[in-house]
Amino acid sequence: MSQVRSVVSKEADVWILRLEKANGKVQEYRCTSEGQAKQLALLLAASAPMEAVQLQA
């Protein structure tokens, strides 16, 4: 099973969701709220059932 690490952080009034995949590549999403960023992380985890996502704020 491959593993994805997700990190939600706030930078200059924008919430950033960064997904770091097992191969070292990082995908970045910008959101207007912390809740939106966390929900997006959960949604992306649900759409990729082979990947485990850990939320860290």
PDB file of N, CA and C in Angstrom:
ATOM      1  N   MET A   1       0.857  -1.175   0.000  1.00  0.00           N
ATOM      2  CA  MET A   1       0.000   0.000   0.000  1.00  0.00           C
ATOM      3  C   MET A   1       0.898   1.232   0.000  1.00  0.00           C
ATOM      4  N   SER A   2       0.666   2.135  -0.930  1.00  0.00           N
ATOM      5  CA  SER A   2       1.424   3.381  -0.929  1.00  0.00           C
ATOM      6  C   SER A   2       0.809   4.316   0.096  1.00  0.00           C
ATOM      7  N   GLN A   3       1.597   5.284   0.529  1.00  0.00           N
ATOM      8  CA  GLN A   3       1.118   6.166   1.586  1.00  0.00           C
ATOM      9  C   GLN A   3       1.250   7.616   1.156  1.00  0.00           C
ATOM     10  N   VAL A   4       0.249   8.428   1.506  1.00  0.00           N
ATOM     11  CA  VAL A   4       0.234   9.854   1.211  1.00  0.00           C
ATOM     12  C   VAL A   4       0.201  10.589   2.531  1.00  0.00           C
ATOM     13  N   ARG A   5       1.025  11.603   2.643  1.00  0.00           N
ATOM     14  CA  ARG A   5       1.034  12.434   3.846  1.00  0.00           C
ATOM     15  C   ARG A   5       0.420  13.777   3.482  1.00  0.00           C
ATOM     16  N   SER A   6      -0.561  14.212   4.249  1.00  0.00           N
ATOM     17  CA  SER A   6      -1.173  15.508   3.964  1.00  0.00           C
ATOM     18  C   SER A   6      -0.915  16.465   5.115  1.00  0.00           C
ATOM     19  N   VAL A   7      -0.643  17.706   4.746  1.00  0.00           N
ATOM     20  CA  VAL A   7      -0.373  18.749   5.727  1.00  0.00           C
ATOM     21  C   VAL A   7      -1.242  19.956   5.378  1.00  0.00           C
ATOM     22  N   VAL A   8      -1.970  20.458   6.379  1.00  0.00           N
ATOM     23  CA  VAL A   8      -2.792  21.652   6.209  1.00  0.00           C
ATOM     24  C   VAL A   8      -2.135  22.767   7.018  1.00  0.00           C
ATOM     25  N   SER A   9      -1.869  23.902   6.360  1.00  0.00           N
ATOM     26  CA  SER A   9      -1.247  25.031   7.053  1.00  0.00           C
ATOM     27  C   SER A   9      -1.822  26.340   6.515  1.00  0.00           C
ATOM     28  N   LYS A  10      -1.639  27.409   7.299  1.00  0.00           N
ATOM     29  CA  LYS A  10      -2.127  28.724   6.886  1.00  0.00           C
ATOM     30  C   LYS A  10      -0.937  29.599   6.517  1.00  0.00           C
ATOM     31  N   GLU A  11      -1.031  30.207   5.330  1.00  0.00           N
ATOM     32  CA  GLU A  11       0.025  31.101   4.846  1.00  0.00           C
ATOM     33  C   GLU A  11      -0.627  32.327   4.213  1.00  0.00           C
ATOM     34  N   ALA A  12      -0.394  33.478   4.791  1.00  0.00           N
ATOM     35  CA  ALA A  12      -0.893  34.755   4.242  1.00  0.00           C
ATOM     36  C   ALA A  12      -2.387  34.706   3.939  1.00  0.00           C
ATOM     37  N   ASP A  13      -3.207  34.355   4.939  1.00  0.00           N
ATOM     38  CA  ASP A  13      -4.668  34.335   4.823  1.00  0.00           C
ATOM     39  C   ASP A  13      -5.213  33.295   3.839  1.00  0.00           C
ATOM     40  N   VAL A  14      -4.395  32.315   3.467  1.00  0.00           N
ATOM     41  CA  VAL A  14      -4.826  31.235   2.585  1.00  0.00           C
ATOM     42  C   VAL A  14      -4.452  29.913   3.246  1.00  0.00           C
ATOM     43  N   TRP A  15      -5.382  28.966   3.245  1.00  0.00           N
ATOM     44  CA  TRP A  15      -5.099  27.635   3.791  1.00  0.00           C
ATOM     45  C   TRP A  15      -4.550  26.759   2.676  1.00  0.00           C
ATOM     46  N   ILE A  16      -3.439  26.110   2.954  1.00  0.00           N
ATOM     47  CA  ILE A  16      -2.743  25.286   1.968  1.00  0.00           C
ATOM     48  C   ILE A  16      -2.854  23.827   2.372  1.00  0.00           C
ATOM     49  N   LEU A  17      -3.241  22.979   1.428  1.00  0.00           N
ATOM     50  CA  LEU A  17      -3.218  21.533   1.611  1.00  0.00           C
ATOM     51  C   LEU A  17      -2.107  20.997   0.729  1.00  0.00           C
ATOM     52  N   ARG A  18      -1.139  20.366   1.348  1.00  0.00           N
ATOM     53  CA  ARG A  18      -0.048  19.750   0.591  1.00  0.00           C
ATOM     54  C   ARG A  18      -0.114  18.245   0.772  1.00  0.00           C
ATOM     55  N   LEU A  19      -0.141  17.534  -0.348  1.00  0.00           N
ATOM     56  CA  LEU A  19      -0.144  16.079  -0.326  1.00  0.00           C
ATOM     57  C   LEU A  19       1.214  15.605  -0.819  1.00  0.00           C
ATOM     58  N   GLU A  20       1.947  14.927   0.040  1.00  0.00           N
ATOM     59  CA  GLU A  20       3.256  14.391  -0.324  1.00  0.00           C
ATOM     60  C   GLU A  20       3.104  12.893  -0.546  1.00  0.00           C
ATOM     61  N   LYS A  21       3.355  12.455  -1.763  1.00  0.00           N
ATOM     62  CA  LYS A  21       3.189  11.048  -2.103  1.00  0.00           C
ATOM     63  C   LYS A  21       4.457  10.263  -1.774  1.00  0.00           C
ATOM     64  N   ALA A  22       4.328   8.957  -1.775  1.00  0.00           N
ATOM     65  CA  ALA A  22       5.446   8.074  -1.438  1.00  0.00           C
ATOM     66  C   ALA A  22       6.631   8.266  -2.385  1.00  0.00           C
ATOM     67  N   ASN A  23       6.368   8.686  -3.618  1.00  0.00           N
ATOM     68  CA  ASN A  23       7.457   8.881  -4.588  1.00  0.00           C
ATOM     69  C   ASN A  23       8.140  10.240  -4.439  1.00  0.00           C
ATOM     70  N   GLY A  24       7.725  11.035  -3.424  1.00  0.00           N
ATOM     71  CA  GLY A  24       8.360  12.323  -3.164  1.00  0.00           C
ATOM     72  C   GLY A  24       7.696  13.513  -3.833  1.00  0.00           C
ATOM     73  N   LYS A  25       6.758  13.271  -4.744  1.00  0.00           N
ATOM     74  CA  LYS A  25       6.071  14.378  -5.414  1.00  0.00           C
ATOM     75  C   LYS A  25       5.062  15.014  -4.471  1.00  0.00           C
ATOM     76  N   VAL A  26       4.887  16.340  -4.603  1.00  0.00           N
ATOM     77  CA  VAL A  26       3.964  17.085  -3.736  1.00  0.00           C
ATOM     78  C   VAL A  26       2.917  17.773  -4.606  1.00  0.00           C
ATOM     79  N   GLN A  27       1.647  17.592  -4.225  1.00  0.00           N
ATOM     80  CA  GLN A  27       0.547  18.324  -4.845  1.00  0.00           C
ATOM     81  C   GLN A  27       0.091  19.364  -3.845  1.00  0.00           C
ATOM     82  N   GLU A  28      -0.238  20.563  -4.334  1.00  0.00           N
ATOM     83  CA  GLU A  28      -0.629  21.648  -3.446  1.00  0.00           C
ATOM     84  C   GLU A  28      -1.977  22.205  -3.878  1.00  0.00           C
ATOM     85  N   TYR A  29      -2.870  22.404  -2.899  1.00  0.00           N
ATOM     86  CA  TYR A  29      -4.186  22.977  -3.136  1.00  0.00           C
ATOM     87  C   TYR A  29      -4.359  24.165  -2.203  1.00  0.00           C
ATOM     88  N   ARG A  30      -4.928  25.257  -2.694  1.00  0.00           N
ATOM     89  CA  ARG A  30      -5.175  26.454  -1.893  1.00  0.00           C
ATOM     90  C   ARG A  30      -6.661  26.562  -1.616  1.00  0.00           C
ATOM     91  N   CYS A  31      -7.005  26.815  -0.349  1.00  0.00           N
ATOM     92  CA  CYS A  31      -8.403  26.857   0.085  1.00  0.00           C
ATOM     93  C   CYS A  31      -8.660  28.134   0.877  1.00  0.00           C
ATOM     94  N   THR A  32      -9.944  28.498   0.996  1.00  0.00           N
ATOM     95  CA  THR A  32     -10.295  29.730   1.707  1.00  0.00           C
ATOM     96  C   THR A  32     -10.460  29.532   3.205  1.00  0.00           C
ATOM     97  N   SER A  33     -10.601  28.274   3.653  1.00  0.00           N
ATOM     98  CA  SER A  33     -10.762  28.028   5.088  1.00  0.00           C
ATOM     99  C   SER A  33     -10.072  26.721   5.477  1.00  0.00           C
ATOM    100  N   GLU A  34      -9.802  26.590   6.770  1.00  0.00           N
ATOM    101  CA  GLU A  34      -9.175  25.367   7.277  1.00  0.00           C
ATOM    102  C   GLU A  34     -10.113  24.172   7.071  1.00  0.00           C
ATOM    103  N   GLY A  35     -11.396  24.377   7.344  1.00  0.00           N
ATOM    104  CA  GLY A  35     -12.367  23.301   7.167  1.00  0.00           C
ATOM    105  C   GLY A  35     -12.421  22.811   5.732  1.00  0.00           C
ATOM    106  N   GLN A  36     -12.371  23.744   4.797  1.00  0.00           N
ATOM    107  CA  GLN A  36     -12.392  23.382   3.384  1.00  0.00           C
ATOM    108  C   GLN A  36     -11.154  22.558   3.028  1.00  0.00           C
ATOM    109  N   ALA A  37     -10.002  22.956   3.536  1.00  0.00           N
ATOM    110  CA  ALA A  37      -8.761  22.236   3.247  1.00  0.00           C
ATOM    111  C   ALA A  37      -8.806  20.820   3.813  1.00  0.00           C
ATOM    112  N   LYS A  38      -9.310  20.678   5.035  1.00  0.00           N
ATOM    113  CA  LYS A  38      -9.392  19.349   5.655  1.00  0.00           C
ATOM    114  C   LYS A  38     -10.423  18.467   4.956  1.00  0.00           C
ATOM    115  N   GLN A  39     -11.549  19.063   4.549  1.00  0.00           N
ATOM    116  CA  GLN A  39     -12.554  18.290   3.824  1.00  0.00           C
ATOM    117  C   GLN A  39     -12.012  17.831   2.476  1.00  0.00           C
ATOM    118  N   LEU A  40     -11.251  18.690   1.809  1.00  0.00           N
ATOM    119  CA  LEU A  40     -10.644  18.317   0.536  1.00  0.00           C
ATOM    120  C   LEU A  40      -9.664  17.162   0.732  1.00  0.00           C
ATOM    121  N   ALA A  41      -8.892  17.202   1.812  1.00  0.00           N
ATOM    122  CA  ALA A  41      -7.957  16.114   2.107  1.00  0.00           C
ATOM    123  C   ALA A  41      -8.713  14.800   2.285  1.00  0.00           C
ATOM    124  N   LEU A  42      -9.832  14.848   3.009  1.00  0.00           N
ATOM    125  CA  LEU A  42     -10.637  13.642   3.212  1.00  0.00           C
ATOM    126  C   LEU A  42     -11.253  13.156   1.900  1.00  0.00           C
ATOM    127  N   LEU A  43     -11.715  14.085   1.084  1.00  0.00           N
ATOM    128  CA  LEU A  43     -12.293  13.734  -0.204  1.00  0.00           C
ATOM    129  C   LEU A  43     -11.260  13.058  -1.094  1.00  0.00           C
ATOM    130  N   LEU A  44     -10.075  13.623  -1.140  1.00  0.00           N
ATOM    131  CA  LEU A  44      -9.019  13.037  -1.973  1.00  0.00           C
ATOM    132  C   LEU A  44      -8.604  11.667  -1.442  1.00  0.00           C
ATOM    133  N   ALA A  45      -8.633  11.484  -0.136  1.00  0.00           N
ATOM    134  CA  ALA A  45      -8.308  10.183   0.448  1.00  0.00           C
ATOM    135  C   ALA A  45      -9.382   9.168   0.068  1.00  0.00           C
ATOM    136  N   ALA A  46     -10.648   9.586   0.067  1.00  0.00           N
ATOM    137  CA  ALA A  46     -11.744   8.679  -0.270  1.00  0.00           C
ATOM    138  C   ALA A  46     -11.715   8.291  -1.738  1.00  0.00           C
ATOM    139  N   SER A  47     -11.234   9.179  -2.599  1.00  0.00           N
ATOM    140  CA  SER A  47     -11.188   8.881  -4.031  1.00  0.00           C
ATOM    141  C   SER A  47      -9.987   8.013  -4.391  1.00  0.00           C
ATOM    142  N   ALA A  48      -9.064   7.828  -3.451  1.00  0.00           N
ATOM    143  CA  ALA A  48      -7.887   6.987  -3.678  1.00  0.00           C
ATOM    144  C   ALA A  48      -7.793   5.968  -2.546  1.00  0.00           C
ATOM    145  N   PRO A  49      -8.642   4.932  -2.564  1.00  0.00           N
ATOM    146  CA  PRO A  49      -8.712   4.006  -1.430  1.00  0.00           C
ATOM    147  C   PRO A  49      -7.424   3.232  -1.168  1.00  0.00           C
ATOM    148  N   MET A  50      -6.507   3.176  -2.097  1.00  0.00           N
ATOM    149  CA  MET A  50      -5.261   2.447  -1.889  1.00  0.00           C
ATOM    150  C   MET A  50      -4.240   3.279  -1.122  1.00  0.00           C
ATOM    151  N   GLU A  51      -4.532   4.544  -0.888  1.00  0.00           N
ATOM    152  CA  GLU A  51      -3.584   5.435  -0.221  1.00  0.00           C
ATOM    153  C   GLU A  51      -4.120   5.861   1.143  1.00  0.00           C
ATOM    154  N   ALA A  52      -3.281   5.777   2.163  1.00  0.00           N
ATOM    155  CA  ALA A  52      -3.664   6.211   3.507  1.00  0.00           C
ATOM    156  C   ALA A  52      -3.263   7.675   3.674  1.00  0.00           C
ATOM    157  N   VAL A  53      -4.156   8.482   4.210  1.00  0.00           N
ATOM    158  CA  VAL A  53      -3.880   9.906   4.407  1.00  0.00           C
ATOM    159  C   VAL A  53      -3.899  10.211   5.895  1.00  0.00           C
ATOM    160  N   GLN A  54      -2.894  10.941   6.339  1.00  0.00           N
ATOM    161  CA  GLN A  54      -2.823  11.376   7.725  1.00  0.00           C
ATOM    162  C   GLN A  54      -2.910  12.892   7.739  1.00  0.00           C
ATOM    163  N   LEU A  55      -3.852  13.450   8.481  1.00  0.00           N
ATOM    164  CA  LEU A  55      -3.993  14.900   8.590  1.00  0.00           C
ATOM    165  C   LEU A  55      -3.143  15.436   9.715  1.00  0.00           C
ATOM    166  N   GLN A  56      -2.368  16.435   9.413  1.00  0.00           N
ATOM    167  CA  GLN A  56      -1.557  17.110  10.425  1.00  0.00           C
ATOM    168  C   GLN A  56      -1.743  18.597  10.252  1.00  0.00           C
ATOM    169  N   ALA A  57      -2.148  19.279  11.291  1.00  0.00           N
ATOM    170  CA  ALA A  57      -2.347  20.728  11.191  1.00  0.00           C
ATOM    171  C   ALA A  57      -1.205  21.449  11.864  1.00  0.00           C
TER     172      ALA A  57
END
